[in-house]
Amino acid sequence: MRVYMITRIVCTWCSFRQFGTYLFCKLLIKLYKFSFVRGHIGIYGNEPADWLAKEATKLNNLIPMTVPKSFYKRVFKENVISEWNSLNKISHNAKSSKEFFRSIHGRLNANHFVPNFKNTQFLTEHGNFKAYLSRFNLSRTDLCSCFSGEIQDAKHWMLSCSKFTPG
């Protein structure tokens, strides 16, 4: 969709310099193309637009919108989440998080999950695990001290570490 505007101020404003978040701007760039059109120079179709703009300034009451603002918010939110989900699917990052939440929709629908310091360390595997610390030379080895010979990461701690199994 192409949107033509007469004033440079509106064109500048809509060209996303003051428009909010990066993802919002990226989404709008895909949907609309904003262009500046100089007024009153005889471009076909522009003169009626000029006349309608002048007439609109003479109106005393606003034209009621038939679609509520909440509709636009919902559609925009769905588009942003969909874009976020598609970027997340093709990303090679967050492999450990994707084992718990396969999609952004799954994470957002998990109302029981309340992120905090400890469970985000397990979810991202960016906690006090030897596998993570050894990447930055903060641990000499990435093996667990439970003598199993396994790499100490979040999955090992949760599922097979003898330090945390009962009796």
Protein backbone atom coordinates (compact mmCIF):
# COMPACT_ATOMS: atom_id res chain seq x y z
CA MET A 1 0.00 0.00 0.00
CA ARG A 2 1.33 3.43 -0.88
CA VAL A 3 0.40 6.49 1.18
CA TYR A 4 0.90 9.95 -0.33
CA MET A 5 1.12 12.99 1.93
CA ILE A 6 1.08 16.69 1.22
CA THR A 7 2.99 18.10 4.19
CA ARG A 8 6.61 17.31 4.92
CA ILE A 9 5.95 17.31 8.68
CA VAL A 10 3.52 14.41 8.42
CA CYS A 11 5.84 12.64 6.01
CA THR A 12 8.77 13.03 8.40
CA TRP A 13 6.71 11.92 11.38
CA CYS A 14 5.45 8.87 9.55
CA SER A 15 8.91 7.97 8.33
CA PHE A 16 9.42 6.51 11.78
CA ARG A 17 11.82 8.96 13.38
CA GLN A 18 9.41 9.54 16.24
CA PHE A 19 7.22 6.49 15.86
CA GLY A 20 8.18 4.18 18.74
CA THR A 21 9.84 0.82 18.84
CA TYR A 22 12.11 -0.69 16.23
CA LEU A 23 9.89 -3.72 15.62
CA PHE A 24 6.83 -1.50 15.14
CA CYS A 25 8.69 0.60 12.56
CA LYS A 26 9.98 -2.48 10.79
CA LEU A 27 6.45 -3.84 10.52
CA LEU A 28 5.04 -0.55 9.21
CA ILE A 29 7.80 -0.26 6.61
CA LYS A 30 6.69 -3.61 5.22
CA LEU A 31 3.03 -2.60 5.10
CA TYR A 32 3.17 1.00 3.86
CA LYS A 33 5.32 3.20 1.67
CA PHE A 34 5.25 6.87 2.67
CA SER A 35 6.05 9.48 0.02
CA PHE A 36 5.96 13.26 -0.13
CA VAL A 37 3.88 14.86 -2.88
CA ARG A 38 4.11 18.61 -3.39
CA GLY A 39 0.64 20.20 -3.33
CA HIS A 40 -1.03 22.47 -5.88
CA ILE A 41 1.19 21.58 -8.86
CA GLY A 42 -1.43 19.89 -11.02
CA ILE A 43 -0.71 16.21 -10.35
CA TYR A 44 -3.77 14.20 -11.37
CA GLY A 45 -5.64 13.03 -8.28
CA ASN A 46 -3.81 15.44 -6.01
CA GLU A 47 -6.10 18.45 -6.57
CA PRO A 48 -9.21 16.63 -5.27
CA ALA A 49 -7.16 15.53 -2.26
CA ASP A 50 -6.13 19.16 -1.64
CA TRP A 51 -9.75 20.28 -1.87
CA LEU A 52 -10.94 17.52 0.52
CA ALA A 53 -8.20 18.42 3.01
CA LYS A 54 -9.32 22.07 2.98
CA GLU A 55 -12.96 21.07 3.43
CA ALA A 56 -12.06 18.79 6.34
CA THR A 57 -10.60 21.74 8.24
CA LYS A 58 -14.01 23.44 8.11
CA LEU A 59 -15.85 20.56 9.82
CA ASN A 60 -17.01 21.27 13.36
CA ASN A 61 -17.36 17.72 14.56
CA LEU A 62 -15.09 14.77 14.05
CA ILE A 63 -16.09 11.92 11.82
CA PRO A 64 -16.85 8.94 14.08
CA MET A 65 -14.68 5.89 13.56
CA THR A 66 -16.58 2.68 13.04
CA VAL A 67 -13.71 0.47 14.18
CA PRO A 68 -12.63 0.78 17.83
CA LYS A 69 -9.05 1.54 18.77
CA SER A 70 -8.81 -1.83 20.53
CA PHE A 71 -9.23 -3.56 17.16
CA TYR A 72 -6.15 -1.83 15.76
CA LYS A 73 -4.21 -2.63 18.93
CA ARG A 74 -5.17 -6.30 18.71
CA VAL A 75 -4.30 -6.59 15.00
CA PHE A 76 -1.00 -4.80 15.55
CA LYS A 77 -0.14 -7.03 18.53
CA GLU A 78 -0.95 -10.17 16.52
CA ASN A 79 1.27 -8.98 13.65
CA VAL A 80 4.18 -8.17 15.97
CA ILE A 81 3.92 -11.52 17.76
CA SER A 82 3.71 -13.34 14.43
CA GLU A 83 6.80 -11.50 13.14
CA TRP A 84 8.64 -12.19 16.42
CA ASN A 85 7.70 -15.87 16.23
CA SER A 86 8.92 -16.24 12.64
CA LEU A 87 12.23 -14.54 13.52
CA ASN A 88 12.56 -16.81 16.55
CA LYS A 89 11.97 -19.95 14.48
CA ILE A 90 14.77 -19.21 12.00
CA SER A 91 17.20 -18.01 14.68
CA HIS A 92 20.02 -20.28 15.81
CA ASN A 93 20.05 -18.62 19.23
CA ALA A 94 18.13 -19.67 22.35
CA LYS A 95 18.27 -23.41 21.61
CA SER A 96 17.79 -24.32 25.27
CA SER A 97 14.79 -21.99 25.63
CA LYS A 98 13.20 -23.51 22.53
CA GLU A 99 13.22 -26.92 24.21
CA PHE A 100 10.79 -25.57 26.80
CA PHE A 101 8.83 -23.16 24.62
CA ARG A 102 8.76 -24.18 20.95
CA SER A 103 7.14 -20.92 19.86
CA ILE A 104 6.53 -17.41 21.12
CA HIS A 105 2.81 -18.22 21.22
CA GLY A 106 3.54 -21.13 23.56
CA ARG A 107 5.53 -18.90 25.90
CA LEU A 108 2.89 -16.16 25.93
CA ASN A 109 0.13 -18.70 26.61
CA ALA A 110 2.07 -20.20 29.56
CA ASN A 111 0.37 -18.08 32.20
CA HIS A 112 1.74 -20.33 34.96
CA PHE A 113 5.33 -19.42 34.06
CA VAL A 114 6.53 -16.32 35.88
CA PRO A 115 10.13 -15.49 34.95
CA ASN A 116 12.55 -14.79 37.77
CA PHE A 117 16.32 -14.85 38.23
CA LYS A 118 16.70 -18.59 38.90
CA ASN A 119 14.37 -20.07 36.31
CA THR A 120 15.65 -17.81 33.54
CA GLN A 121 19.17 -19.06 34.31
CA PHE A 122 17.93 -22.61 33.78
CA LEU A 123 15.88 -21.69 30.75
CA THR A 124 18.73 -19.89 28.97
CA GLU A 125 21.56 -22.02 30.42
CA HIS A 126 23.35 -18.77 31.25
CA GLY A 127 23.65 -19.55 34.92
CA ASN A 128 26.28 -20.87 37.29
CA PHE A 129 26.90 -23.99 35.21
CA LYS A 130 30.41 -25.20 34.45
CA ALA A 131 29.57 -25.58 30.75
CA TYR A 132 28.67 -21.89 30.60
CA LEU A 133 31.49 -20.67 32.86
CA SER A 134 34.16 -22.61 30.97
CA ARG A 135 33.24 -20.74 27.78
CA PHE A 136 34.64 -17.62 29.43
CA ASN A 137 37.57 -19.39 31.16
CA LEU A 138 35.91 -18.96 34.56
CA SER A 139 35.98 -22.71 35.18
CA ARG A 140 38.80 -25.12 34.39
CA THR A 141 36.46 -27.83 33.16
CA ASP A 142 32.91 -28.14 31.92
CA LEU A 143 32.40 -31.55 33.57
CA CYS A 144 30.16 -31.96 36.60
CA SER A 145 31.72 -32.78 39.96
CA CYS A 146 29.25 -35.64 40.52
CA PHE A 147 31.75 -37.99 38.81
CA SER A 148 29.30 -39.00 36.08
CA GLY A 149 31.57 -37.63 33.37
CA GLU A 150 28.74 -35.54 31.94
CA ILE A 151 28.90 -31.88 31.03
CA GLN A 152 27.39 -29.74 33.77
CA ASP A 153 24.59 -27.77 32.16
CA ALA A 154 21.00 -27.07 33.15
CA LYS A 155 19.68 -30.26 31.58
CA HIS A 156 22.22 -32.38 33.48
CA TRP A 157 21.34 -30.70 36.78
CA MET A 158 17.61 -31.22 36.27
CA LEU A 159 17.64 -34.76 34.91
CA SER A 160 20.71 -36.80 35.80
CA CYS A 161 23.00 -35.18 38.38
CA SER A 162 23.47 -37.46 41.40
CA LYS A 163 23.92 -34.43 43.66
CA PHE A 164 20.26 -33.57 43.25
CA THR A 165 18.60 -37.01 43.11
CA PRO A 166 16.94 -38.19 46.33
CA GLY A 167 18.60 -40.82 48.52
